Amino acid sequence: MRNILIAGWLILPIAAWAYHEGPGQDGQAMDQADAVLVAAHEAADGGEFKLAVAKYQEALGLLPKELETPLLRTTENRIKLELNKARMLASGLPDAREDLEVLVEGMMAEPESDPALLAEARQALARAQFYTTWLMRLEGQTREVWEPEIEAARQNYRLLAESTTDAAKKEEHAGDLEAAIRLERLAIEDLQGLPLPSE
């Protein structure tokens, strides 16, 4: 019995080392990503959007790539959403709009996607499409160029308004849908007299 206890005691450091090199690395990576995410949220809350974008990108790079769990996938999608929200406010609208479209399409293809997170990503995409249309119109783009963009925003807002049961959210999405319709119908002279929309 004594030999078994001694052997167990000697094997304990090897087992701890094996855990540290295996599953422990994933836990350590998640702890590092969490610390970077806290800094990213603080930067975004403080209006430092370029710093927030850099921190969100760093956090994405720290996530363990070999783990494929629904929770990790949801975490990755949440970080991508927050990254692109910050990117829109850091003069990165074209990149944010493109990434949000990829994110929404990817989440729609995943059966285990969080519906609330998907709705939030769709809303961010619709806003990016709305702002893109606004800028395209101010740049003098033709209707054939900007109309598909505002139509996509309208469809996203309509889908959001029809799919929610929350009265406040329904009213918010309906208001966004009306704003998209107004933007499409607004004469360029009237649009030029309006201040640029903000988040």
N, C-alpha and C. Protein backbone atom coordinates (compact mmCIF):
# COMPACT_ATOMS: atom_id res chain seq x y z
N MET A 1 0.83 -1.19 0.00
CA MET A 1 0.00 0.00 0.00
C MET A 1 0.87 1.26 0.00
N ARG A 2 1.94 1.18 0.78
CA ARG A 2 2.84 2.32 0.86
C ARG A 2 3.47 2.61 -0.49
N ASN A 3 3.82 1.57 -1.23
CA ASN A 3 4.43 1.75 -2.56
C ASN A 3 3.45 2.41 -3.53
N ILE A 4 2.18 2.06 -3.41
CA ILE A 4 1.16 2.66 -4.28
C ILE A 4 1.04 4.15 -3.99
N LEU A 5 1.03 4.51 -2.70
CA LEU A 5 0.94 5.92 -2.32
C LEU A 5 2.16 6.71 -2.82
N ILE A 6 3.32 6.12 -2.69
CA ILE A 6 4.54 6.80 -3.16
C ILE A 6 4.50 6.97 -4.67
N ALA A 7 4.09 5.92 -5.39
CA ALA A 7 4.00 5.99 -6.85
C ALA A 7 2.98 7.04 -7.26
N GLY A 8 1.84 7.09 -6.56
CA GLY A 8 0.81 8.10 -6.86
C GLY A 8 1.32 9.50 -6.62
N TRP A 9 2.06 9.69 -5.53
CA TRP A 9 2.62 10.99 -5.20
C TRP A 9 3.64 11.43 -6.26
N LEU A 10 4.42 10.49 -6.77
CA LEU A 10 5.42 10.82 -7.79
C LEU A 10 4.78 11.10 -9.14
N ILE A 11 3.65 10.47 -9.42
CA ILE A 11 2.97 10.67 -10.71
C ILE A 11 2.19 11.99 -10.73
N LEU A 12 1.81 12.50 -9.56
CA LEU A 12 0.99 13.70 -9.47
C LEU A 12 1.59 14.88 -10.25
N PRO A 13 2.88 15.22 -10.12
CA PRO A 13 3.42 16.34 -10.90
C PRO A 13 3.35 16.10 -12.41
N ILE A 14 3.51 14.83 -12.83
CA ILE A 14 3.43 14.51 -14.26
C ILE A 14 2.01 14.74 -14.76
N ALA A 15 1.02 14.32 -13.96
CA ALA A 15 -0.37 14.53 -14.34
C ALA A 15 -0.71 16.02 -14.40
N ALA A 16 -0.20 16.77 -13.43
CA ALA A 16 -0.44 18.22 -13.43
C ALA A 16 0.20 18.86 -14.66
N TRP A 17 1.41 18.45 -14.99
CA TRP A 17 2.10 18.99 -16.18
C TRP A 17 1.31 18.64 -17.45
N ALA A 18 0.83 17.40 -17.54
CA ALA A 18 0.06 16.98 -18.72
C ALA A 18 -1.22 17.79 -18.85
N TYR A 19 -1.89 18.06 -17.72
CA TYR A 19 -3.11 18.88 -17.77
C TYR A 19 -2.78 20.30 -18.22
N HIS A 20 -1.69 20.84 -17.67
CA HIS A 20 -1.28 22.20 -18.03
C HIS A 20 -0.97 22.32 -19.52
N GLU A 21 -0.34 21.32 -20.08
CA GLU A 21 0.02 21.35 -21.50
C GLU A 21 -1.16 21.02 -22.41
N GLY A 22 -2.19 20.40 -21.88
CA GLY A 22 -3.36 20.02 -22.69
C GLY A 22 -4.52 20.96 -22.43
N PRO A 23 -5.55 20.47 -21.71
CA PRO A 23 -6.74 21.29 -21.47
C PRO A 23 -6.45 22.59 -20.72
N GLY A 24 -5.42 22.60 -19.91
CA GLY A 24 -5.07 23.81 -19.17
C GLY A 24 -4.71 24.98 -20.07
N GLN A 25 -4.15 24.68 -21.25
CA GLN A 25 -3.79 25.74 -22.20
C GLN A 25 -5.03 26.46 -22.71
N ASP A 26 -6.10 25.69 -22.94
CA ASP A 26 -7.35 26.30 -23.41
C ASP A 26 -7.92 27.23 -22.34
N GLY A 27 -7.87 26.79 -21.09
CA GLY A 27 -8.36 27.63 -19.99
C GLY A 27 -7.53 28.90 -19.85
N GLN A 28 -6.23 28.75 -20.00
CA GLN A 28 -5.34 29.91 -19.91
C GLN A 28 -5.61 30.89 -21.07
N ALA A 29 -5.83 30.35 -22.26
CA ALA A 29 -6.14 31.20 -23.41
C ALA A 29 -7.45 31.94 -23.19
N MET A 30 -8.45 31.26 -22.63
CA MET A 30 -9.73 31.92 -22.36
C MET A 30 -9.59 33.01 -21.31
N ASP A 31 -8.74 32.78 -20.30
CA ASP A 31 -8.50 33.81 -19.29
C ASP A 31 -7.84 35.04 -19.91
N GLN A 32 -6.87 34.82 -20.80
CA GLN A 32 -6.22 35.94 -21.47
C GLN A 32 -7.20 36.69 -22.36
N ALA A 33 -8.03 35.96 -23.10
CA ALA A 33 -9.03 36.59 -23.97
C ALA A 33 -10.01 37.40 -23.14
N ASP A 34 -10.39 36.89 -21.98
CA ASP A 34 -11.33 37.60 -21.11
C ASP A 34 -10.74 38.93 -20.64
N ALA A 35 -9.47 38.92 -20.26
CA ALA A 35 -8.81 40.15 -19.81
C ALA A 35 -8.76 41.18 -20.94
N VAL A 36 -8.49 40.73 -22.16
CA VAL A 36 -8.43 41.65 -23.31
C VAL A 36 -9.83 42.17 -23.63
N LEU A 37 -10.85 41.31 -23.48
CA LEU A 37 -12.22 41.75 -23.74
C LEU A 37 -12.67 42.83 -22.77
N VAL A 38 -12.27 42.72 -21.52
CA VAL A 38 -12.59 43.75 -20.53
C VAL A 38 -12.01 45.09 -20.99
N ALA A 39 -10.76 45.06 -21.45
CA ALA A 39 -10.12 46.29 -21.95
C ALA A 39 -10.84 46.81 -23.19
N ALA A 40 -11.30 45.91 -24.06
CA ALA A 40 -12.02 46.31 -25.27
C ALA A 40 -13.33 47.00 -24.93
N HIS A 41 -14.08 46.41 -23.99
CA HIS A 41 -15.36 47.01 -23.59
C HIS A 41 -15.14 48.38 -22.95
N GLU A 42 -14.10 48.49 -22.12
CA GLU A 42 -13.80 49.78 -21.49
C GLU A 42 -13.45 50.83 -22.53
N ALA A 43 -12.69 50.44 -23.54
CA ALA A 43 -12.32 51.38 -24.60
C ALA A 43 -13.55 51.82 -25.38
N ALA A 44 -14.44 50.87 -25.70
CA ALA A 44 -15.66 51.21 -26.43
C ALA A 44 -16.56 52.12 -25.61
N ASP A 45 -16.70 51.80 -24.32
CA ASP A 45 -17.53 52.64 -23.45
C ASP A 45 -16.96 54.04 -23.30
N GLY A 46 -15.63 54.15 -23.39
CA GLY A 46 -14.97 55.44 -23.27
C GLY A 46 -14.86 56.20 -24.58
N GLY A 47 -15.41 55.65 -25.65
CA GLY A 47 -15.38 56.34 -26.94
C GLY A 47 -14.08 56.17 -27.71
N GLU A 48 -13.20 55.29 -27.24
CA GLU A 48 -11.93 55.03 -27.95
C GLU A 48 -12.14 53.83 -28.87
N PHE A 49 -12.81 54.08 -29.99
CA PHE A 49 -13.26 52.98 -30.85
C PHE A 49 -12.13 52.30 -31.61
N LYS A 50 -11.10 53.04 -31.98
CA LYS A 50 -9.98 52.40 -32.68
C LYS A 50 -9.24 51.44 -31.75
N LEU A 51 -9.07 51.85 -30.49
CA LEU A 51 -8.45 50.98 -29.50
C LEU A 51 -9.35 49.76 -29.24
N ALA A 52 -10.67 49.98 -29.17
CA ALA A 52 -11.61 48.88 -28.96
C ALA A 52 -11.51 47.87 -30.10
N VAL A 53 -11.43 48.35 -31.34
CA VAL A 53 -11.30 47.45 -32.49
C VAL A 53 -10.05 46.60 -32.35
N ALA A 54 -8.92 47.23 -32.00
CA ALA A 54 -7.66 46.49 -31.85
C ALA A 54 -7.77 45.43 -30.75
N LYS A 55 -8.42 45.79 -29.65
CA LYS A 55 -8.55 44.84 -28.53
C LYS A 55 -9.49 43.68 -28.87
N TYR A 56 -10.59 43.98 -29.56
CA TYR A 56 -11.50 42.90 -29.97
C TYR A 56 -10.78 41.94 -30.93
N GLN A 57 -9.99 42.50 -31.84
CA GLN A 57 -9.23 41.64 -32.76
C GLN A 57 -8.22 40.78 -32.01
N GLU A 58 -7.58 41.37 -30.99
CA GLU A 58 -6.63 40.62 -30.18
C GLU A 58 -7.33 39.49 -29.43
N ALA A 59 -8.52 39.78 -28.89
CA ALA A 59 -9.28 38.75 -28.15
C ALA A 59 -9.68 37.60 -29.08
N LEU A 60 -10.08 37.93 -30.31
CA LEU A 60 -10.41 36.86 -31.26
C LEU A 60 -9.21 35.96 -31.52
N GLY A 61 -8.03 36.55 -31.61
CA GLY A 61 -6.82 35.78 -31.85
C GLY A 61 -6.43 34.89 -30.68
N LEU A 62 -6.90 35.23 -29.49
CA LEU A 62 -6.55 34.45 -28.29
C LEU A 62 -7.49 33.27 -28.05
N LEU A 63 -8.63 33.25 -28.72
CA LEU A 63 -9.56 32.13 -28.50
C LEU A 63 -8.94 30.83 -28.99
N PRO A 64 -9.10 29.73 -28.23
CA PRO A 64 -8.55 28.44 -28.67
C PRO A 64 -9.25 27.95 -29.93
N LYS A 65 -8.49 27.73 -30.98
CA LYS A 65 -9.07 27.37 -32.28
C LYS A 65 -9.47 25.89 -32.36
N GLU A 66 -8.83 25.04 -31.56
CA GLU A 66 -9.12 23.61 -31.67
C GLU A 66 -10.40 23.21 -30.93
N LEU A 67 -10.91 24.09 -30.08
CA LEU A 67 -12.15 23.78 -29.37
C LEU A 67 -13.33 24.18 -30.25
N GLU A 68 -14.21 23.26 -30.52
CA GLU A 68 -15.40 23.57 -31.32
C GLU A 68 -16.63 23.23 -30.48
N THR A 69 -16.97 24.12 -29.57
CA THR A 69 -18.16 23.93 -28.74
C THR A 69 -19.15 25.04 -29.06
N PRO A 70 -20.44 24.80 -28.86
CA PRO A 70 -21.43 25.85 -29.11
C PRO A 70 -21.16 27.12 -28.30
N LEU A 71 -20.71 26.95 -27.04
CA LEU A 71 -20.44 28.12 -26.21
C LEU A 71 -19.28 28.94 -26.77
N LEU A 72 -18.22 28.27 -27.21
CA LEU A 72 -17.08 28.99 -27.77
C LEU A 72 -17.48 29.68 -29.08
N ARG A 73 -18.30 29.01 -29.88
CA ARG A 73 -18.75 29.59 -31.15
C ARG A 73 -19.61 30.84 -30.90
N THR A 74 -20.48 30.76 -29.87
CA THR A 74 -21.31 31.92 -29.51
C THR A 74 -20.43 33.06 -29.02
N THR A 75 -19.41 32.73 -28.23
CA THR A 75 -18.48 33.75 -27.74
C THR A 75 -17.75 34.41 -28.90
N GLU A 76 -17.30 33.61 -29.85
CA GLU A 76 -16.61 34.15 -31.02
C GLU A 76 -17.54 35.06 -31.82
N ASN A 77 -18.78 34.65 -32.01
CA ASN A 77 -19.74 35.47 -32.75
C ASN A 77 -20.03 36.78 -32.03
N ARG A 78 -20.14 36.72 -30.69
CA ARG A 78 -20.37 37.94 -29.90
C ARG A 78 -19.21 38.91 -30.06
N ILE A 79 -17.99 38.39 -30.00
CA ILE A 79 -16.81 39.26 -30.14
C ILE A 79 -16.79 39.89 -31.54
N LYS A 80 -17.10 39.09 -32.56
CA LYS A 80 -17.13 39.63 -33.93
C LYS A 80 -18.17 40.72 -34.07
N LEU A 81 -19.32 40.53 -33.44
CA LEU A 81 -20.37 41.55 -33.49
C LEU A 81 -19.91 42.84 -32.82
N GLU A 82 -19.34 42.72 -31.62
CA GLU A 82 -18.87 43.92 -30.91
C GLU A 82 -17.73 44.60 -31.66
N LEU A 83 -16.86 43.79 -32.26
CA LEU A 83 -15.76 44.32 -33.07
C LEU A 83 -16.30 45.20 -34.19
N ASN A 84 -17.31 44.70 -34.89
CA ASN A 84 -17.83 45.45 -36.04
C ASN A 84 -18.70 46.62 -35.64
N LYS A 85 -19.33 46.57 -34.48
CA LYS A 85 -20.03 47.75 -33.97
C LYS A 85 -19.02 48.86 -33.69
N ALA A 86 -17.91 48.50 -33.05
CA ALA A 86 -16.86 49.48 -32.78
C ALA A 86 -16.23 49.97 -34.07
N ARG A 87 -16.05 49.07 -35.03
CA ARG A 87 -15.43 49.42 -36.31
C ARG A 87 -16.27 50.47 -37.05
N MET A 88 -17.61 50.33 -36.98
CA MET A 88 -18.47 51.32 -37.63
C MET A 88 -18.25 52.72 -37.06
N LEU A 89 -17.97 52.79 -35.78
CA LEU A 89 -17.75 54.08 -35.12
C LEU A 89 -16.31 54.55 -35.21
N ALA A 90 -15.44 53.71 -35.76
CA ALA A 90 -14.02 54.06 -35.90
C ALA A 90 -13.68 54.27 -37.38
N SER A 91 -14.64 54.78 -38.14
CA SER A 91 -14.44 55.08 -39.57
C SER A 91 -14.11 53.84 -40.39
N GLY A 92 -14.66 52.70 -40.00
CA GLY A 92 -14.42 51.47 -40.74
C GLY A 92 -15.72 50.85 -41.25
N LEU A 93 -16.65 51.72 -41.68
CA LEU A 93 -17.97 51.25 -42.10
C LEU A 93 -17.92 50.20 -43.21
N PRO A 94 -17.14 50.39 -44.30
CA PRO A 94 -17.15 49.37 -45.37
C PRO A 94 -16.73 47.98 -44.88
N ASP A 95 -15.67 47.93 -44.07
CA ASP A 95 -15.21 46.63 -43.56
C ASP A 95 -16.23 46.02 -42.60
N ALA A 96 -16.81 46.88 -41.75
CA ALA A 96 -17.81 46.39 -40.79
C ALA A 96 -19.03 45.84 -41.51
N ARG A 97 -19.48 46.54 -42.54
CA ARG A 97 -20.66 46.11 -43.29
C ARG A 97 -20.42 44.74 -43.93
N GLU A 98 -19.24 44.58 -44.51
CA GLU A 98 -18.89 43.31 -45.17
C GLU A 98 -18.80 42.17 -44.14
N ASP A 99 -18.10 42.42 -43.03
CA ASP A 99 -17.95 41.39 -42.00
C ASP A 99 -19.28 41.02 -41.35
N LEU A 100 -20.16 42.01 -41.15
CA LEU A 100 -21.46 41.73 -40.54
C LEU A 100 -22.32 40.87 -41.46
N GLU A 101 -22.21 41.10 -42.75
CA GLU A 101 -22.96 40.25 -43.69
C GLU A 101 -22.49 38.80 -43.61
N VAL A 102 -21.17 38.61 -43.55
CA VAL A 102 -20.61 37.26 -43.42
C VAL A 102 -21.04 36.64 -42.08
N LEU A 103 -21.02 37.44 -41.02
CA LEU A 103 -21.39 36.94 -39.69
C LEU A 103 -22.85 36.49 -39.67
N VAL A 104 -23.75 37.30 -40.21
CA VAL A 104 -25.17 36.96 -40.21
C VAL A 104 -25.41 35.69 -41.04
N GLU A 105 -24.80 35.62 -42.20
CA GLU A 105 -24.96 34.42 -43.04
C GLU A 105 -24.44 33.17 -42.33
N GLY A 106 -23.29 33.30 -41.67
CA GLY A 106 -22.72 32.17 -40.94
C GLY A 106 -23.60 31.73 -39.79
N MET A 107 -24.15 32.70 -39.05
CA MET A 107 -25.01 32.36 -37.92
C MET A 107 -26.32 31.73 -38.39
N MET A 108 -26.84 32.17 -39.54
CA MET A 108 -28.07 31.58 -40.08
C MET A 108 -27.84 30.12 -40.47
N ALA A 109 -26.62 29.79 -40.87
CA ALA A 109 -26.30 28.42 -41.29
C ALA A 109 -26.05 27.50 -40.10
N GLU A 110 -25.84 28.07 -38.91
CA GLU A 110 -25.57 27.27 -37.71
C GLU A 110 -26.87 26.98 -36.98
N PRO A 111 -27.26 25.71 -36.85
CA PRO A 111 -28.53 25.40 -36.19
C PRO A 111 -28.54 25.78 -34.70
N GLU A 112 -27.36 25.79 -34.06
CA GLU A 112 -27.32 26.08 -32.62
C GLU A 112 -27.08 27.56 -32.31
N SER A 113 -27.20 28.43 -33.32
CA SER A 113 -26.99 29.87 -33.10
C SER A 113 -28.00 30.44 -32.12
N ASP A 114 -27.54 31.36 -31.30
CA ASP A 114 -28.40 32.05 -30.35
C ASP A 114 -29.30 33.01 -31.12
N PRO A 115 -30.63 32.83 -31.07
CA PRO A 115 -31.53 33.70 -31.85
C PRO A 115 -31.42 35.18 -31.48
N ALA A 116 -31.22 35.47 -30.20
CA ALA A 116 -31.11 36.87 -29.77
C ALA A 116 -29.84 37.50 -30.33
N LEU A 117 -28.75 36.75 -30.34
CA LEU A 117 -27.50 37.26 -30.89
C LEU A 117 -27.61 37.44 -32.40
N LEU A 118 -28.29 36.52 -33.07
CA LEU A 118 -28.52 36.65 -34.51
C LEU A 118 -29.34 37.89 -34.82
N ALA A 119 -30.37 38.16 -34.03
CA ALA A 119 -31.19 39.36 -34.24
C ALA A 119 -30.35 40.62 -34.04
N GLU A 120 -29.49 40.61 -33.03
CA GLU A 120 -28.63 41.77 -32.78
C GLU A 120 -27.64 41.98 -33.92
N ALA A 121 -27.10 40.87 -34.45
CA ALA A 121 -26.17 40.98 -35.58
C ALA A 121 -26.90 41.47 -36.83
N ARG A 122 -28.12 41.01 -37.04
CA ARG A 122 -28.92 41.45 -38.19
C ARG A 122 -29.23 42.95 -38.07
N GLN A 123 -29.52 43.40 -36.86
CA GLN A 123 -29.79 44.83 -36.65
C GLN A 123 -28.55 45.66 -36.95
N ALA A 124 -27.38 45.19 -36.50
CA ALA A 124 -26.13 45.91 -36.78
C ALA A 124 -25.85 45.95 -38.28
N LEU A 125 -26.14 44.84 -38.97
CA LEU A 125 -25.96 44.80 -40.42
C LEU A 125 -26.89 45.79 -41.10
N ALA A 126 -28.16 45.83 -40.68
CA ALA A 126 -29.12 46.77 -41.27
C ALA A 126 -28.67 48.22 -41.06
N ARG A 127 -28.12 48.51 -39.89
CA ARG A 127 -27.61 49.88 -39.64
C ARG A 127 -26.43 50.18 -40.56
N ALA A 128 -25.55 49.22 -40.72
CA ALA A 128 -24.40 49.42 -41.61
C ALA A 128 -24.88 49.66 -43.04
N GLN A 129 -25.89 48.91 -43.47
CA GLN A 129 -26.44 49.09 -44.81
C GLN A 129 -27.11 50.46 -44.95
N PHE A 130 -27.80 50.89 -43.91
CA PHE A 130 -28.46 52.21 -43.91
C PHE A 130 -27.41 53.32 -44.04
N TYR A 131 -26.37 53.27 -43.19
CA TYR A 131 -25.33 54.30 -43.24
C TYR A 131 -24.57 54.28 -44.56
N THR A 132 -24.35 53.08 -45.10
CA THR A 132 -23.66 52.96 -46.38
C THR A 132 -24.48 53.62 -47.49
N THR A 133 -25.79 53.39 -47.46
CA THR A 133 -26.67 54.02 -48.45
C THR A 133 -26.59 55.54 -48.34
N TRP A 134 -26.64 56.03 -47.11
CA TRP A 134 -26.58 57.48 -46.87
C TRP A 134 -25.32 58.05 -47.51
N LEU A 135 -24.19 57.42 -47.24
CA LEU A 135 -22.91 57.92 -47.78
C LEU A 135 -22.85 57.78 -49.30
N MET A 136 -23.37 56.69 -49.84
CA MET A 136 -23.38 56.50 -51.29
C MET A 136 -24.19 57.61 -51.98
N ARG A 137 -25.30 57.95 -51.37
CA ARG A 137 -26.14 59.00 -51.95
C ARG A 137 -25.43 60.35 -51.90
N LEU A 138 -24.77 60.63 -50.77
CA LEU A 138 -24.03 61.90 -50.66
C LEU A 138 -22.85 61.96 -51.63
N GLU A 139 -22.28 60.81 -51.94
CA GLU A 139 -21.16 60.75 -52.90
C GLU A 139 -21.64 60.90 -54.34
N GLY A 140 -22.96 60.89 -54.55
CA GLY A 140 -23.49 61.06 -55.90
C GLY A 140 -23.62 59.77 -56.69
N GLN A 141 -23.61 58.63 -55.99
CA GLN A 141 -23.78 57.34 -56.69
C GLN A 141 -25.18 57.29 -57.32
N THR A 142 -25.30 56.54 -58.38
CA THR A 142 -26.59 56.41 -59.05
C THR A 142 -27.53 55.52 -58.24
N ARG A 143 -28.81 55.66 -58.53
CA ARG A 143 -29.82 54.87 -57.82
C ARG A 143 -29.58 53.37 -57.99
N GLU A 144 -29.11 52.97 -59.15
CA GLU A 144 -28.84 51.54 -59.40
C GLU A 144 -27.77 51.00 -58.46
N VAL A 145 -26.88 51.87 -58.00
CA VAL A 145 -25.79 51.44 -57.11
C VAL A 145 -26.27 51.37 -55.67
N TRP A 146 -26.97 52.40 -55.18
CA TRP A 146 -27.32 52.44 -53.76
C TRP A 146 -28.66 51.78 -53.44
N GLU A 147 -29.54 51.60 -54.41
CA GLU A 147 -30.86 51.05 -54.11
C GLU A 147 -30.80 49.62 -53.54
N PRO A 148 -29.97 48.71 -54.07
CA PRO A 148 -29.91 47.37 -53.46
C PRO A 148 -29.48 47.40 -51.98
N GLU A 149 -28.66 48.38 -51.63
CA GLU A 149 -28.18 48.48 -50.25
C GLU A 149 -29.32 48.87 -49.30
N ILE A 150 -30.10 49.88 -49.69
CA ILE A 150 -31.19 50.32 -48.81
C ILE A 150 -32.32 49.28 -48.81
N GLU A 151 -32.48 48.58 -49.92
CA GLU A 151 -33.49 47.52 -49.97
C GLU A 151 -33.12 46.39 -49.01
N ALA A 152 -31.83 46.05 -48.94
CA ALA A 152 -31.37 45.01 -48.00
C ALA A 152 -31.61 45.47 -46.56
N ALA A 153 -31.34 46.75 -46.28
CA ALA A 153 -31.59 47.28 -44.93
C ALA A 153 -33.07 47.21 -44.60
N ARG A 154 -33.92 47.58 -45.55
CA ARG A 154 -35.36 47.53 -45.33
C ARG A 154 -35.82 46.10 -45.03
N GLN A 155 -35.31 45.14 -45.79
CA GLN A 155 -35.71 43.75 -45.57
C GLN A 155 -35.27 43.25 -44.19
N ASN A 156 -34.07 43.64 -43.79
CA ASN A 156 -33.59 43.23 -42.46
C ASN A 156 -34.43 43.86 -41.36
N TYR A 157 -34.73 45.17 -41.48
CA TYR A 157 -35.56 45.82 -40.46
C TYR A 157 -36.96 45.21 -40.42
N ARG A 158 -37.50 44.90 -41.58
CA ARG A 158 -38.85 44.32 -41.63
C ARG A 158 -38.85 42.94 -40.97
N LEU A 159 -37.84 42.12 -41.29
CA LEU A 159 -37.74 40.80 -40.69
C LEU A 159 -37.62 40.90 -39.17
N LEU A 160 -36.81 41.84 -38.70
CA LEU A 160 -36.65 42.03 -37.25
C LEU A 160 -37.96 42.46 -36.61
N ALA A 161 -38.69 43.39 -37.25
CA ALA A 161 -39.96 43.87 -36.69
C ALA A 161 -41.00 42.76 -36.65
N GLU A 162 -41.01 41.90 -37.66
CA GLU A 162 -42.01 40.84 -37.73
C GLU A 162 -41.69 39.65 -36.83
N SER A 163 -40.41 39.46 -36.52
CA SER A 163 -40.03 38.25 -35.78
C SER A 163 -39.93 38.45 -34.27
N THR A 164 -40.02 39.69 -33.79
CA THR A 164 -39.90 39.90 -32.34
C THR A 164 -41.28 39.95 -31.69
N THR A 165 -41.33 39.52 -30.44
CA THR A 165 -42.57 39.60 -29.67
C THR A 165 -42.49 40.73 -28.64
N ASP A 166 -41.29 41.29 -28.47
CA ASP A 166 -41.08 42.39 -27.54
C ASP A 166 -41.64 43.69 -28.15
N ALA A 167 -42.58 44.32 -27.47
CA ALA A 167 -43.26 45.51 -28.02
C ALA A 167 -42.28 46.67 -28.25
N ALA A 168 -41.35 46.88 -27.32
CA ALA A 168 -40.39 47.98 -27.47
C ALA A 168 -39.47 47.74 -28.66
N LYS A 169 -39.01 46.49 -28.80
CA LYS A 169 -38.14 46.15 -29.94
C LYS A 169 -38.89 46.29 -31.26
N LYS A 170 -40.14 45.83 -31.26
CA LYS A 170 -40.97 45.92 -32.47
C LYS A 170 -41.11 47.37 -32.90
N GLU A 171 -41.36 48.25 -31.93
CA GLU A 171 -41.49 49.69 -32.23
C GLU A 171 -40.17 50.27 -32.74
N GLU A 172 -39.06 49.85 -32.13
CA GLU A 172 -37.74 50.33 -32.58
C GLU A 172 -37.47 49.90 -34.02
N HIS A 173 -37.71 48.64 -34.32
CA HIS A 173 -37.46 48.14 -35.68
C HIS A 173 -38.40 48.78 -36.70
N ALA A 174 -39.65 49.01 -36.30
CA ALA A 174 -40.60 49.67 -37.20
C ALA A 174 -40.13 51.10 -37.48
N GLY A 175 -39.61 51.78 -36.48
CA GLY A 175 -39.07 53.13 -36.68
C GLY A 175 -37.87 53.12 -37.61
N ASP A 176 -36.99 52.12 -37.44
CA ASP A 176 -35.83 51.98 -38.32
C ASP A 176 -36.27 51.70 -39.77
N LEU A 177 -37.32 50.89 -39.92
CA LEU A 177 -37.85 50.58 -41.25
C LEU A 177 -38.39 51.85 -41.92
N GLU A 178 -39.10 52.66 -41.15
CA GLU A 178 -39.62 53.93 -41.69
C GLU A 178 -38.48 54.86 -42.10
N ALA A 179 -37.42 54.89 -41.30
CA ALA A 179 -36.26 55.73 -41.63
C ALA A 179 -35.61 55.27 -42.93
N ALA A 180 -35.53 53.96 -43.13
CA ALA A 180 -34.95 53.43 -44.36
C ALA A 180 -35.80 53.80 -45.57
N ILE A 181 -37.13 53.73 -45.42
CA ILE A 181 -38.03 54.10 -46.51
C ILE A 181 -37.89 55.59 -46.82
N ARG A 182 -37.80 56.42 -45.77
CA ARG A 182 -37.61 57.87 -45.97
C ARG A 182 -36.31 58.16 -46.69
N LEU A 183 -35.25 57.45 -46.31
CA LEU A 183 -33.95 57.68 -46.94
C LEU A 183 -34.01 57.36 -48.44
N GLU A 184 -34.73 56.31 -48.78
CA GLU A 184 -34.86 55.95 -50.19
C GLU A 184 -35.62 57.01 -50.98
N ARG A 185 -36.63 57.60 -50.36
CA ARG A 185 -37.50 58.54 -51.07
C ARG A 185 -37.03 59.99 -51.01
N LEU A 186 -36.11 60.27 -50.10
CA LEU A 186 -35.66 61.64 -49.87
C LEU A 186 -34.92 62.19 -51.08
N ALA A 187 -35.24 63.41 -51.46
CA ALA A 187 -34.52 64.07 -52.56
C ALA A 187 -33.10 64.37 -52.09
N ILE A 188 -32.16 64.33 -53.02
CA ILE A 188 -30.75 64.53 -52.66
C ILE A 188 -30.52 65.90 -52.04
N GLU A 189 -31.25 66.92 -52.49
CA GLU A 189 -31.09 68.27 -51.93
C GLU A 189 -31.49 68.29 -50.45
N ASP A 190 -32.57 67.57 -50.11
CA ASP A 190 -33.01 67.50 -48.71
C ASP A 190 -32.02 66.68 -47.89
N LEU A 191 -31.47 65.60 -48.49
CA LEU A 191 -30.52 64.76 -47.78
C LEU A 191 -29.25 65.52 -47.45
N GLN A 192 -28.79 66.37 -48.37
CA GLN A 192 -27.56 67.13 -48.15
C GLN A 192 -27.72 68.13 -47.01
N GLY A 193 -28.94 68.55 -46.73
CA GLY A 193 -29.18 69.50 -45.66
C GLY A 193 -29.28 68.87 -44.28
N LEU A 194 -29.30 67.53 -44.23
CA LEU A 194 -29.45 66.84 -42.95
C LEU A 194 -28.07 66.51 -42.35
N PRO A 195 -27.98 66.48 -41.02
CA PRO A 195 -26.71 66.04 -40.40
C PRO A 195 -26.52 64.54 -40.63
N LEU A 196 -25.26 64.12 -40.65
CA LEU A 196 -24.98 62.69 -40.83
C LEU A 196 -25.54 61.91 -39.64
N PRO A 197 -26.16 60.77 -39.91
CA PRO A 197 -26.68 59.98 -38.79
C PRO A 197 -25.55 59.41 -37.96
N SER A 198 -25.83 59.16 -36.70
CA SER A 198 -24.82 58.55 -35.83
C SER A 198 -25.46 57.38 -35.12
N GLU A 199 -24.60 56.52 -34.57
CA GLU A 199 -25.04 55.29 -33.90
C GLU A 199 -25.86 55.64 -32.68
